[in-house]
């Protein structure tokens, strides 16, 4: 015959079960509040929008002011490109702002090209949803900007997207974090700046001044024109070719048909920026002269081979597509 529980024991059992259910429910509310509605989750949602190129959703979540400038990195493919190098994005436990229980800081850690970086996000509690769950919003901020400047071009490329320049400059607002690759290439000039990391909302007005360099095509064309000039000099069957660096002096008699110049070593032009323009550093050519000399006293003919080096300069007139080299022989 089974023993029946007393009403007191039944009540106690139900009370204990109720307590367990309340504890479980409370723990569930706390967990959901942290994992679904918490400030750290907001940061993860924001980064997810950035990686997907969802600029409008990211701005709506971030409550950010967008500075004036070229918005090519704020949505779509441009935003995806700026976020593509952000790897292993994780967030730490929110930390209360000292003196304000409704404000927290969330530290995100990630890597860019293998280098660890961090960004701090500030969020504030704005109320409750469904009586139990906190609601959080990002503290309003202004997106940082990157000012890109360059010469010898009217357009640069920012994360594989064209960006026109106005008076040699463009300003690009960006989300945080972002990685900026910029540069340009024309026929004669190029510049490149890669891997600029923007990790702080408070850092405004980052400047990138692209350092213009001659392209290999420009160097090849300059060397080609210099070589053609020297070859023209070598064709002259005289001891002092006109408007050329080479020369030879002798007291012997020399027949012109015995004079043969040749270039032993062509100079490699070094193009540098000087006083706001592009110039060619002084050049040196090594030449060989073969000729027959007749001694005026003895009448004896002697075949001579002389190798010597001569210096000269060259003026460079260059645009993004045109090149003109004007050699100037040294006196």
C-alpha atoms as a PDB file:
ATOM      1  CA  UNK A   1       0.000   0.000   0.000  1.00  0.00           C
ATOM      2  CA  UNK A   2       1.612   3.285  -1.172  1.00  0.00           C
ATOM      3  CA  UNK A   3       2.236   6.001   1.289  1.00  0.00           C
ATOM      4  CA  UNK A   4       0.425   9.216   0.523  1.00  0.00           C
ATOM      5  CA  UNK A   5       2.352  12.483   0.817  1.00  0.00           C
ATOM      6  CA  UNK A   6       1.093  14.953   3.279  1.00  0.00           C
ATOM      7  CA  UNK A   7      -0.259  18.283   1.961  1.00  0.00           C
ATOM      8  CA  UNK A   8       2.651  20.047   3.641  1.00  0.00           C
ATOM      9  CA  UNK A   9       5.226  17.904   1.803  1.00  0.00           C
ATOM     10  CA  UNK A  10       3.412  18.375  -1.532  1.00  0.00           C
ATOM     11  CA  UNK A  11       3.413  22.115  -1.043  1.00  0.00           C
ATOM     12  CA  UNK A  12       7.094  22.081  -0.159  1.00  0.00           C
ATOM     13  CA  UNK A  13       7.901  20.022  -3.262  1.00  0.00           C
ATOM     14  CA  UNK A  14       6.011  22.407  -5.503  1.00  0.00           C
ATOM     15  CA  UNK A  15       7.644  25.375  -3.825  1.00  0.00           C
ATOM     16  CA  UNK A  16      11.108  23.913  -4.418  1.00  0.00           C
ATOM     17  CA  UNK A  17      10.256  23.173  -8.044  1.00  0.00           C
ATOM     18  CA  UNK A  18       8.988  26.704  -8.471  1.00  0.00           C
ATOM     19  CA  UNK A  19      12.199  28.097  -7.035  1.00  0.00           C
ATOM     20  CA  UNK A  20      14.216  26.001  -9.469  1.00  0.00           C
ATOM     21  CA  UNK A  21      12.076  27.221 -12.361  1.00  0.00           C
ATOM     22  CA  UNK A  22      12.470  30.830 -11.260  1.00  0.00           C
ATOM     23  CA  UNK A  23      16.252  30.412 -11.004  1.00  0.00           C
ATOM     24  CA  UNK A  24      16.372  28.807 -14.457  1.00  0.00           C
ATOM     25  CA  UNK A  25      14.154  31.527 -15.899  1.00  0.00           C
ATOM     26  CA  UNK A  26      16.264  34.259 -14.330  1.00  0.00           C
ATOM     27  CA  UNK A  27      19.469  32.686 -15.611  1.00  0.00           C
ATOM     28  CA  UNK A  28      17.909  32.416 -19.065  1.00  0.00           C
ATOM     29  CA  UNK A  29      16.896  36.078 -19.007  1.00  0.00           C
ATOM     30  CA  UNK A  30      20.398  37.093 -17.954  1.00  0.00           C
ATOM     31  CA  UNK A  31      21.963  34.943 -20.672  1.00  0.00           C
ATOM     32  CA  UNK A  32      19.627  36.212 -23.397  1.00  0.00           C
ATOM     33  CA  UNK A  33      20.106  39.761 -22.163  1.00  0.00           C
ATOM     34  CA  UNK A  34      23.878  39.389 -22.582  1.00  0.00           C
ATOM     35  CA  UNK A  35      24.107  37.257 -25.705  1.00  0.00           C
ATOM     36  CA  UNK A  36      21.209  38.631 -27.762  1.00  0.00           C
ATOM     37  CA  UNK A  37      20.444  42.118 -26.514  1.00  0.00           C
ATOM     38  CA  UNK A  38      23.772  43.048 -24.865  1.00  0.00           C
ATOM     39  CA  UNK A  39      26.181  45.791 -26.006  1.00  0.00           C
ATOM     40  CA  UNK A  40      28.812  43.302 -27.147  1.00  0.00           C
ATOM     41  CA  UNK A  41      26.263  41.772 -29.498  1.00  0.00           C
ATOM     42  CA  UNK A  42      25.614  45.233 -30.976  1.00  0.00           C
ATOM     43  CA  UNK A  43      29.298  45.535 -31.819  1.00  0.00           C
ATOM     44  CA  UNK A  44      29.287  42.132 -33.506  1.00  0.00           C
ATOM     45  CA  UNK A  45      26.177  43.092 -35.483  1.00  0.00           C
ATOM     46  CA  UNK A  46      27.875  46.281 -36.632  1.00  0.00           C
ATOM     47  CA  UNK A  47      30.969  44.437 -37.837  1.00  0.00           C
ATOM     48  CA  UNK A  48      28.779  41.896 -39.630  1.00  0.00           C
ATOM     49  CA  UNK A  49      27.108  44.733 -41.567  1.00  0.00           C
ATOM     50  CA  UNK A  50      30.500  46.173 -42.510  1.00  0.00           C
ATOM     51  CA  UNK A  51      31.862  42.865 -43.779  1.00  0.00           C
ATOM     52  CA  UNK A  52      28.715  42.371 -45.877  1.00  0.00           C
ATOM     53  CA  UNK A  53      28.936  45.882 -47.314  1.00  0.00           C
ATOM     54  CA  UNK A  54      25.638  46.927 -45.715  1.00  0.00           C
ATOM     55  CA  UNK A  55      26.464  50.574 -45.183  1.00  0.00           C
ATOM     56  CA  UNK A  56      22.938  51.864 -44.574  1.00  0.00           C
ATOM     57  CA  UNK A  57      22.296  49.261 -41.877  1.00  0.00           C
ATOM     58  CA  UNK A  58      25.657  50.004 -40.274  1.00  0.00           C
ATOM     59  CA  UNK A  59      24.957  53.742 -40.168  1.00  0.00           C
ATOM     60  CA  UNK A  60      21.494  53.136 -38.738  1.00  0.00           C
ATOM     61  CA  UNK A  61      22.959  50.989 -35.979  1.00  0.00           C
ATOM     62  CA  UNK A  62      25.910  53.261 -35.274  1.00  0.00           C
ATOM     63  CA  UNK A  63      24.035  56.593 -35.246  1.00  0.00           C
ATOM     64  CA  UNK A  64      27.075  58.207 -36.842  1.00  0.00           C
ATOM     65  CA  UNK A  65      27.409  61.527 -38.619  1.00  0.00           C
ATOM     66  CA  UNK A  66      28.974  61.230 -42.068  1.00  0.00           C
ATOM     67  CA  UNK A  67      31.472  64.007 -42.928  1.00  0.00           C
ATOM     68  CA  UNK A  68      31.492  65.490 -46.413  1.00  0.00           C
ATOM     69  CA  UNK A  69      33.648  63.687 -48.939  1.00  0.00           C
ATOM     70  CA  UNK A  70      33.688  60.810 -51.399  1.00  0.00           C
ATOM     71  CA  UNK A  71      31.475  58.039 -49.969  1.00  0.00           C
ATOM     72  CA  UNK A  72      32.973  55.247 -52.086  1.00  0.00           C
ATOM     73  CA  UNK A  73      33.940  53.197 -48.978  1.00  0.00           C
ATOM     74  CA  UNK A  74      30.642  53.556 -47.115  1.00  0.00           C
ATOM     75  CA  UNK A  75      28.561  50.954 -48.925  1.00  0.00           C
ATOM     76  CA  UNK A  76      28.627  47.972 -51.252  1.00  0.00           C
ATOM     77  CA  UNK A  77      31.845  46.787 -52.844  1.00  0.00           C
ATOM     78  CA  UNK A  78      33.885  49.704 -51.478  1.00  0.00           C
ATOM     79  CA  UNK A  79      32.830  48.961 -47.897  1.00  0.00           C
ATOM     80  CA  UNK A  80      33.510  45.255 -48.369  1.00  0.00           C
ATOM     81  CA  UNK A  81      36.988  46.063 -49.676  1.00  0.00           C
ATOM     82  CA  UNK A  82      37.735  48.311 -46.696  1.00  0.00           C
ATOM     83  CA  UNK A  83      36.633  45.539 -44.307  1.00  0.00           C
ATOM     84  CA  UNK A  84      38.111  42.535 -46.101  1.00  0.00           C
ATOM     85  CA  UNK A  85      41.441  42.556 -44.244  1.00  0.00           C
ATOM     86  CA  UNK A  86      39.823  42.665 -40.786  1.00  0.00           C
ATOM     87  CA  UNK A  87      40.321  39.135 -39.444  1.00  0.00           C
ATOM     88  CA  UNK A  88      39.453  37.255 -36.210  1.00  0.00           C
ATOM     89  CA  UNK A  89      37.134  39.978 -34.886  1.00  0.00           C
ATOM     90  CA  UNK A  90      36.220  39.291 -31.227  1.00  0.00           C
ATOM     91  CA  UNK A  91      34.773  41.386 -28.419  1.00  0.00           C
ATOM     92  CA  UNK A  92      35.620  41.462 -24.719  1.00  0.00           C
ATOM     93  CA  UNK A  93      33.202  41.645 -21.801  1.00  0.00           C
ATOM     94  CA  UNK A  94      31.626  45.134 -21.579  1.00  0.00           C
ATOM     95  CA  UNK A  95      33.195  47.400 -18.973  1.00  0.00           C
ATOM     96  CA  UNK A  96      31.133  50.028 -17.118  1.00  0.00           C
ATOM     97  CA  UNK A  97      32.070  53.633 -17.725  1.00  0.00           C
ATOM     98  CA  UNK A  98      33.285  55.083 -14.388  1.00  0.00           C
ATOM     99  CA  UNK A  99      30.544  57.214 -12.833  1.00  0.00           C
ATOM    100  CA  UNK A 100      27.831  56.126 -15.281  1.00  0.00           C
ATOM    101  CA  UNK A 101      26.103  52.774 -14.827  1.00  0.00           C
ATOM    102  CA  UNK A 102      24.216  53.215 -18.095  1.00  0.00           C
ATOM    103  CA  UNK A 103      27.382  53.570 -20.209  1.00  0.00           C
ATOM    104  CA  UNK A 104      29.754  50.766 -21.173  1.00  0.00           C
ATOM    105  CA  UNK A 105      32.889  50.327 -23.220  1.00  0.00           C
ATOM    106  CA  UNK A 106      33.298  47.292 -25.456  1.00  0.00           C
ATOM    107  CA  UNK A 107      36.817  46.498 -26.647  1.00  0.00           C
ATOM    108  CA  UNK A 108      37.099  44.664 -29.960  1.00  0.00           C
ATOM    109  CA  UNK A 109      40.292  42.849 -30.918  1.00  0.00           C
ATOM    110  CA  UNK A 110      41.177  41.781 -34.468  1.00  0.00           C
ATOM    111  CA  UNK A 111      44.135  41.424 -36.795  1.00  0.00           C
ATOM    112  CA  UNK A 112      45.165  43.295 -39.934  1.00  0.00           C
ATOM    113  CA  UNK A 113      47.798  41.563 -42.052  1.00  0.00           C
ATOM    114  CA  UNK A 114      48.787  39.525 -39.009  1.00  0.00           C
ATOM    115  CA  UNK A 115      49.138  42.532 -36.682  1.00  0.00           C
ATOM    116  CA  UNK A 116      46.771  42.733 -33.697  1.00  0.00           C
ATOM    117  CA  UNK A 117      44.642  45.878 -33.516  1.00  0.00           C
ATOM    118  CA  UNK A 118      41.929  47.135 -31.146  1.00  0.00           C
ATOM    119  CA  UNK A 119      38.936  49.451 -31.290  1.00  0.00           C
ATOM    120  CA  UNK A 120      36.873  50.739 -28.361  1.00  0.00           C
ATOM    121  CA  UNK A 121      33.117  51.215 -28.723  1.00  0.00           C
ATOM    122  CA  UNK A 122      30.934  53.211 -26.352  1.00  0.00           C
ATOM    123  CA  UNK A 123      27.290  52.238 -25.841  1.00  0.00           C
ATOM    124  CA  UNK A 124      24.566  53.490 -23.522  1.00  0.00           C
ATOM    125  CA  UNK A 125      21.546  51.750 -21.988  1.00  0.00           C
ATOM    126  CA  UNK A 126      18.384  53.402 -23.298  1.00  0.00           C
ATOM    127  CA  UNK A 127      15.672  51.349 -21.564  1.00  0.00           C
ATOM    128  CA  UNK A 128      14.116  47.904 -21.507  1.00  0.00           C
ATOM    129  CA  UNK A 129      12.345  45.739 -24.035  1.00  0.00           C
ATOM    130  CA  UNK A 130       9.664  43.202 -23.025  1.00  0.00           C
ATOM    131  CA  UNK A 131      10.161  44.225 -19.377  1.00  0.00           C
ATOM    132  CA  UNK A 132      13.284  42.092 -18.971  1.00  0.00           C
ATOM    133  CA  UNK A 133      15.806  42.933 -21.687  1.00  0.00           C
ATOM    134  CA  UNK A 134      18.069  45.985 -21.759  1.00  0.00           C
ATOM    135  CA  UNK A 135      18.197  48.068 -24.905  1.00  0.00           C
ATOM    136  CA  UNK A 136      21.551  49.510 -25.965  1.00  0.00           C
ATOM    137  CA  UNK A 137      22.627  52.069 -28.516  1.00  0.00           C
ATOM    138  CA  UNK A 138      25.992  53.291 -29.726  1.00  0.00           C
ATOM    139  CA  UNK A 139      26.971  56.696 -28.403  1.00  0.00           C
ATOM    140  CA  UNK A 140      26.630  59.022 -31.442  1.00  0.00           C
ATOM    141  CA  UNK A 141      29.917  59.783 -33.144  1.00  0.00           C
ATOM    142  CA  UNK A 142      31.342  61.145 -36.384  1.00  0.00           C
ATOM    143  CA  UNK A 143      33.036  58.865 -38.876  1.00  0.00           C
ATOM    144  CA  UNK A 144      36.755  59.537 -39.344  1.00  0.00           C
ATOM    145  CA  UNK A 145      38.110  60.680 -42.699  1.00  0.00           C
ATOM    146  CA  UNK A 146      41.186  59.993 -44.785  1.00  0.00           C
ATOM    147  CA  UNK A 147      42.549  62.898 -46.828  1.00  0.00           C
ATOM    148  CA  UNK A 148      44.412  61.585 -49.894  1.00  0.00           C
ATOM    149  CA  UNK A 149      46.616  63.876 -51.957  1.00  0.00           C
ATOM    150  CA  UNK A 150      48.791  63.288 -55.009  1.00  0.00           C
ATOM    151  CA  UNK A 151      50.457  65.191 -57.830  1.00  0.00           C
ATOM    152  CA  UNK A 152      50.908  64.388 -61.547  1.00  0.00           C
ATOM    153  CA  UNK A 153      47.404  62.875 -61.658  1.00  0.00           C
ATOM    154  CA  UNK A 154      43.755  63.902 -61.438  1.00  0.00           C
ATOM    155  CA  UNK A 155      42.472  60.587 -60.102  1.00  0.00           C
ATOM    156  CA  UNK A 156      43.603  57.980 -57.599  1.00  0.00           C
ATOM    157  CA  UNK A 157      42.373  54.474 -56.864  1.00  0.00           C
ATOM    158  CA  UNK A 158      41.107  53.740 -53.346  1.00  0.00           C
ATOM    159  CA  UNK A 159      40.559  50.056 -52.535  1.00  0.00           C
ATOM    160  CA  UNK A 160      40.273  49.307 -56.269  1.00  0.00           C
ATOM    161  CA  UNK A 161      37.715  52.096 -56.850  1.00  0.00           C
ATOM    162  CA  UNK A 162      38.416  55.344 -58.751  1.00  0.00           C
ATOM    163  CA  UNK A 163      38.386  58.600 -56.784  1.00  0.00           C
ATOM    164  CA  UNK A 164      38.734  61.920 -58.656  1.00  0.00           C
ATOM    165  CA  UNK A 165      40.980  64.585 -57.147  1.00  0.00           C
ATOM    166  CA  UNK A 166      40.058  68.238 -56.750  1.00  0.00           C
ATOM    167  CA  UNK A 167      43.150  70.446 -56.600  1.00  0.00           C
ATOM    168  CA  UNK A 168      45.193  67.322 -55.974  1.00  0.00           C
ATOM    169  CA  UNK A 169      43.147  66.000 -53.050  1.00  0.00           C
ATOM    170  CA  UNK A 170      40.098  63.972 -52.056  1.00  0.00           C
ATOM    171  CA  UNK A 171      38.556  63.231 -48.660  1.00  0.00           C
ATOM    172  CA  UNK A 172      37.144  59.771 -47.958  1.00  0.00           C
ATOM    173  CA  UNK A 173      34.942  59.082 -44.887  1.00  0.00           C
ATOM    174  CA  UNK A 174      35.356  55.556 -43.503  1.00  0.00           C
ATOM    175  CA  UNK A 175      33.821  53.223 -40.970  1.00  0.00           C
ATOM    176  CA  UNK A 176      35.929  51.805 -38.153  1.00  0.00           C
ATOM    177  CA  UNK A 177      37.795  49.526 -38.466  1.00  0.00           C
ATOM    178  CA  UNK A 178      38.919  49.922 -42.067  1.00  0.00           C
ATOM    179  CA  UNK A 179      42.002  49.244 -44.167  1.00  0.00           C
ATOM    180  CA  UNK A 180      42.817  51.740 -46.917  1.00  0.00           C
ATOM    181  CA  UNK A 181      44.847  50.927 -50.015  1.00  0.00           C
ATOM    182  CA  UNK A 182      45.362  53.833 -52.384  1.00  0.00           C
ATOM    183  CA  UNK A 183      47.529  54.767 -55.329  1.00  0.00           C
ATOM    184  CA  UNK A 184      47.548  55.584 -59.024  1.00  0.00           C
ATOM    185  CA  UNK A 185      49.344  54.573 -62.181  1.00  0.00           C
ATOM    186  CA  UNK A 186      49.750  56.605 -65.362  1.00  0.00           C
ATOM    187  CA  UNK A 187      52.061  55.956 -68.276  1.00  0.00           C
ATOM    188  CA  UNK A 188      54.917  57.892 -66.700  1.00  0.00           C
ATOM    189  CA  UNK A 189      54.155  58.121 -62.972  1.00  0.00           C
ATOM    190  CA  UNK A 190      52.816  55.972 -60.152  1.00  0.00           C
ATOM    191  CA  UNK A 191      52.347  55.986 -56.404  1.00  0.00           C
ATOM    192  CA  UNK A 192      51.199  53.392 -53.913  1.00  0.00           C
ATOM    193  CA  UNK A 193      50.234  53.345 -50.238  1.00  0.00           C
ATOM    194  CA  UNK A 194      48.811  50.143 -48.809  1.00  0.00           C
ATOM    195  CA  UNK A 195      47.578  48.813 -45.488  1.00  0.00           C
ATOM    196  CA  UNK A 196      46.617  52.065 -43.739  1.00  0.00           C
ATOM    197  CA  UNK A 197      44.592  50.930 -40.701  1.00  0.00           C
ATOM    198  CA  UNK A 198      41.837  53.182 -39.335  1.00  0.00           C
ATOM    199  CA  UNK A 199      41.033  51.832 -35.853  1.00  0.00           C
ATOM    200  CA  UNK A 200      39.875  54.806 -33.773  1.00  0.00           C
ATOM    201  CA  UNK A 201      36.691  56.851 -34.089  1.00  0.00           C
ATOM    202  CA  UNK A 202      38.373  59.747 -32.294  1.00  0.00           C
ATOM    203  CA  UNK A 203      41.254  60.072 -34.756  1.00  0.00           C
ATOM    204  CA  UNK A 204      40.095  62.610 -37.313  1.00  0.00           C
ATOM    205  CA  UNK A 205      41.676  63.759 -40.542  1.00  0.00           C
ATOM    206  CA  UNK A 206      44.226  61.052 -41.297  1.00  0.00           C
ATOM    207  CA  UNK A 207      46.363  62.274 -44.209  1.00  0.00           C
ATOM    208  CA  UNK A 208      47.911  60.186 -46.971  1.00  0.00           C
ATOM    209  CA  UNK A 209      50.288  62.043 -49.276  1.00  0.00           C
ATOM    210  CA  UNK A 210      51.129  59.721 -52.127  1.00  0.00           C
ATOM    211  CA  UNK A 211      54.811  59.803 -53.069  1.00  0.00           C
ATOM    212  CA  UNK A 212      54.935  59.954 -56.845  1.00  0.00           C
ATOM    213  CA  UNK A 213      57.627  57.894 -58.549  1.00  0.00           C
ATOM    214  CA  UNK A 214      58.631  57.471 -62.198  1.00  0.00           C
ATOM    215  CA  UNK A 215      57.299  54.307 -63.787  1.00  0.00           C
ATOM    216  CA  UNK A 216      59.559  51.789 -65.462  1.00  0.00           C
ATOM    217  CA  UNK A 217      57.996  52.849 -68.751  1.00  0.00           C
ATOM    218  CA  UNK A 218      59.213  56.430 -68.191  1.00  0.00           C
ATOM    219  CA  UNK A 219      62.711  55.241 -67.273  1.00  0.00           C
ATOM    220  CA  UNK A 220      62.822  53.027 -70.369  1.00  0.00           C
ATOM    221  CA  UNK A 221      61.710  55.880 -72.644  1.00  0.00           C
ATOM    222  CA  UNK A 222      64.242  58.319 -71.185  1.00  0.00           C
ATOM    223  CA  UNK A 223      67.061  55.777 -71.573  1.00  0.00           C
ATOM    224  CA  UNK A 224      65.889  55.031 -75.112  1.00  0.00           C
ATOM    225  CA  UNK A 225      66.071  58.698 -76.109  1.00  0.00           C
ATOM    226  CA  UNK A 226      69.483  59.134 -74.477  1.00  0.00           C
ATOM    227  CA  UNK A 227      70.795  56.033 -76.246  1.00  0.00           C
ATOM    228  CA  UNK A 228      69.499  57.321 -79.590  1.00  0.00           C
ATOM    229  CA  UNK A 229      71.255  60.649 -78.967  1.00  0.00           C
ATOM    230  CA  UNK A 230      74.573  58.925 -78.159  1.00  0.00           C
ATOM    231  CA  UNK A 231      74.259  56.620 -81.165  1.00  0.00           C
ATOM    232  CA  UNK A 232      73.855  59.724 -83.316  1.00  0.00           C
ATOM    233  CA  UNK A 233      76.994  61.172 -81.774  1.00  0.00           C
ATOM    234  CA  UNK A 234      78.916  57.977 -82.503  1.00  0.00           C
ATOM    235  CA  UNK A 235      78.008  58.160 -86.199  1.00  0.00           C
ATOM    236  CA  UNK A 236      79.884  61.430 -86.658  1.00  0.00           C
ATOM    237  CA  UNK A 237      83.368  60.772 -88.115  1.00  0.00           C
ATOM    238  CA  UNK A 238      85.009  63.753 -86.463  1.00  0.00           C
ATOM    239  CA  UNK A 239      87.201  64.141 -83.392  1.00  0.00           C
ATOM    240  CA  UNK A 240      84.665  66.413 -81.684  1.00  0.00           C
ATOM    241  CA  UNK A 241      81.117  65.314 -82.636  1.00  0.00           C
ATOM    242  CA  UNK A 242      78.798  68.305 -82.774  1.00  0.00           C
ATOM    243  CA  UNK A 243      76.606  68.894 -79.650  1.00  0.00           C
ATOM    244  CA  UNK A 244      77.987  65.718 -78.097  1.00  0.00           C
ATOM    245  CA  UNK A 245      79.990  64.980 -74.943  1.00  0.00           C
ATOM    246  CA  UNK A 246      82.765  62.956 -76.632  1.00  0.00           C
ATOM    247  CA  UNK A 247      85.933  64.573 -77.938  1.00  0.00           C
ATOM    248  CA  UNK A 248      89.559  63.745 -78.747  1.00  0.00           C
ATOM    249  CA  UNK A 249      92.547  66.045 -79.138  1.00  0.00           C
ATOM    250  CA  UNK A 250      95.783  65.215 -80.952  1.00  0.00           C
ATOM    251  CA  UNK A 251      98.660  67.001 -82.700  1.00  0.00           C
ATOM    252  CA  UNK A 252      98.916  64.201 -85.289  1.00  0.00           C
ATOM    253  CA  UNK A 253      97.239  64.197 -88.688  1.00  0.00           C
ATOM    254  CA  UNK A 254      94.035  62.125 -88.772  1.00  0.00           C
ATOM    255  CA  UNK A 255      92.060  61.140 -91.840  1.00  0.00           C
ATOM    256  CA  UNK A 256      88.299  61.461 -91.200  1.00  0.00           C
ATOM    257  CA  UNK A 257      87.482  58.099 -92.780  1.00  0.00           C
ATOM    258  CA  UNK A 258      89.627  56.380 -90.120  1.00  0.00           C
ATOM    259  CA  UNK A 259      87.572  57.840 -87.231  1.00  0.00           C
ATOM    260  CA  UNK A 260      85.083  55.406 -85.678  1.00  0.00           C
ATOM    261  CA  UNK A 261      83.256  56.148 -82.433  1.00  0.00           C
ATOM    262  CA  UNK A 262      81.284  53.525 -80.513  1.00  0.00           C
ATOM    263  CA  UNK A 263      79.460  53.484 -77.175  1.00  0.00           C
ATOM    264  CA  UNK A 264      80.967  51.061 -74.653  1.00  0.00           C
ATOM    265  CA  UNK A 265      78.625  51.771 -71.738  1.00  0.00           C
ATOM    266  CA  UNK A 266      75.325  53.631 -71.991  1.00  0.00           C
ATOM    267  CA  UNK A 267      74.290  55.596 -68.873  1.00  0.00           C
ATOM    268  CA  UNK A 268      71.207  54.589 -66.887  1.00  0.00           C
ATOM    269  CA  UNK A 269      69.199  57.725 -66.218  1.00  0.00           C
ATOM    270  CA  UNK A 270      68.181  58.483 -62.642  1.00  0.00           C
ATOM    271  CA  UNK A 271      65.004  60.582 -62.553  1.00  0.00           C
ATOM    272  CA  UNK A 272      64.395  62.568 -59.373  1.00  0.00           C
ATOM    273  CA  UNK A 273      62.091  65.298 -58.120  1.00  0.00           C
ATOM    274  CA  UNK A 274      63.802  68.646 -57.578  1.00  0.00           C
ATOM    275  CA  UNK A 275      62.262  72.019 -56.765  1.00  0.00           C
ATOM    276  CA  UNK A 276      58.798  70.920 -57.896  1.00  0.00           C
ATOM    277  CA  UNK A 277      59.850  69.347 -61.191  1.00  0.00           C
ATOM    278  CA  UNK A 278      61.370  66.150 -62.528  1.00  0.00           C
ATOM    279  CA  UNK A 279      65.035  66.189 -63.530  1.00  0.00           C
ATOM    280  CA  UNK A 280      67.700  63.749 -64.697  1.00  0.00           C
ATOM    281  CA  UNK A 281      70.850  63.490 -62.603  1.00  0.00           C
ATOM    282  CA  UNK A 282      74.144  64.178 -64.444  1.00  0.00           C
ATOM    283  CA  UNK A 283      75.090  61.373 -66.808  1.00  0.00           C
ATOM    284  CA  UNK A 284      78.341  59.683 -67.826  1.00  0.00           C
ATOM    285  CA  UNK A 285      78.958  57.790 -71.051  1.00  0.00           C
ATOM    286  CA  UNK A 286      81.924  55.541 -71.774  1.00  0.00           C
ATOM    287  CA  UNK A 287      82.958  55.537 -75.407  1.00  0.00           C
ATOM    288  CA  UNK A 288      85.624  53.977 -77.648  1.00  0.00           C
ATOM    289  CA  UNK A 289      87.432  55.821 -80.430  1.00  0.00           C
ATOM    290  CA  UNK A 290      89.338  53.964 -83.159  1.00  0.00           C
ATOM    291  CA  UNK A 291      91.394  55.993 -85.624  1.00  0.00           C
ATOM    292  CA  UNK A 292      94.678  56.126 -87.519  1.00  0.00           C
ATOM    293  CA  UNK A 293      97.156  58.898 -86.699  1.00  0.00           C
ATOM    294  CA  UNK A 294     100.109  60.065 -88.844  1.00  0.00           C
ATOM    295  CA  UNK A 295     103.085  61.488 -87.031  1.00  0.00           C
ATOM    296  CA  UNK A 296     103.810  64.859 -88.635  1.00  0.00           C
ATOM    297  CA  UNK A 297     107.570  64.534 -88.058  1.00  0.00           C
ATOM    298  CA  UNK A 298     108.186  60.918 -89.075  1.00  0.00           C
ATOM    299  CA  UNK A 299     105.177  60.310 -91.292  1.00  0.00           C
ATOM    300  CA  UNK A 300     104.505  56.990 -89.537  1.00  0.00           C
ATOM    301  CA  UNK A 301     100.857  55.823 -89.341  1.00  0.00           C
ATOM    302  CA  UNK A 302      99.661  54.397 -86.033  1.00  0.00           C
ATOM    303  CA  UNK A 303      96.295  52.753 -85.321  1.00  0.00           C
ATOM    304  CA  UNK A 304      94.874  53.984 -82.003  1.00  0.00           C
ATOM    305  CA  UNK A 305      92.063  52.731 -79.753  1.00  0.00           C
ATOM    306  CA  UNK A 306      91.061  55.109 -76.980  1.00  0.00           C
ATOM    307  CA  UNK A 307      88.434  54.482 -74.323  1.00  0.00           C
ATOM    308  CA  UNK A 308      87.302  57.358 -72.172  1.00  0.00           C
ATOM    309  CA  UNK A 309      84.326  58.572 -70.137  1.00  0.00           C
ATOM    310  CA  UNK A 310      82.512  61.871 -70.672  1.00  0.00           C
ATOM    311  CA  UNK A 311      79.926  63.676 -68.580  1.00  0.00           C
ATOM    312  CA  UNK A 312      76.843  65.468 -69.814  1.00  0.00           C
ATOM    313  CA  UNK A 313      73.399  66.510 -68.632  1.00  0.00           C
ATOM    314  CA  UNK A 314      69.921  66.242 -70.104  1.00  0.00           C
ATOM    315  CA  UNK A 315      66.791  68.335 -69.707  1.00  0.00           C
ATOM    316  CA  UNK A 316      63.540  66.425 -69.088  1.00  0.00           C
ATOM    317  CA  UNK A 317      60.127  67.663 -70.205  1.00  0.00           C
ATOM    318  CA  UNK A 318      57.479  65.206 -69.040  1.00  0.00           C
ATOM    319  CA  UNK A 319      53.733  64.935 -68.479  1.00  0.00           C
ATOM    320  CA  UNK A 320      51.626  61.922 -67.548  1.00  0.00           C
ATOM    321  CA  UNK A 321      51.873  60.634 -71.138  1.00  0.00           C
ATOM    322  CA  UNK A 322      54.559  62.631 -72.997  1.00  0.00           C
ATOM    323  CA  UNK A 323      58.365  62.542 -72.644  1.00  0.00           C
ATOM    324  CA  UNK A 324      61.052  64.695 -74.241  1.00  0.00           C
ATOM    325  CA  UNK A 325      64.746  64.468 -73.379  1.00  0.00           C
ATOM    326  CA  UNK A 326      67.112  67.232 -74.499  1.00  0.00           C
ATOM    327  CA  UNK A 327      70.780  66.320 -73.881  1.00  0.00           C
ATOM    328  CA  UNK A 328      73.247  69.089 -73.075  1.00  0.00           C
ATOM    329  CA  UNK A 329      76.944  68.255 -73.515  1.00  0.00           C
ATOM    330  CA  UNK A 330      79.310  69.456 -70.806  1.00  0.00           C
ATOM    331  CA  UNK A 331      81.761  72.179 -71.701  1.00  0.00           C
END
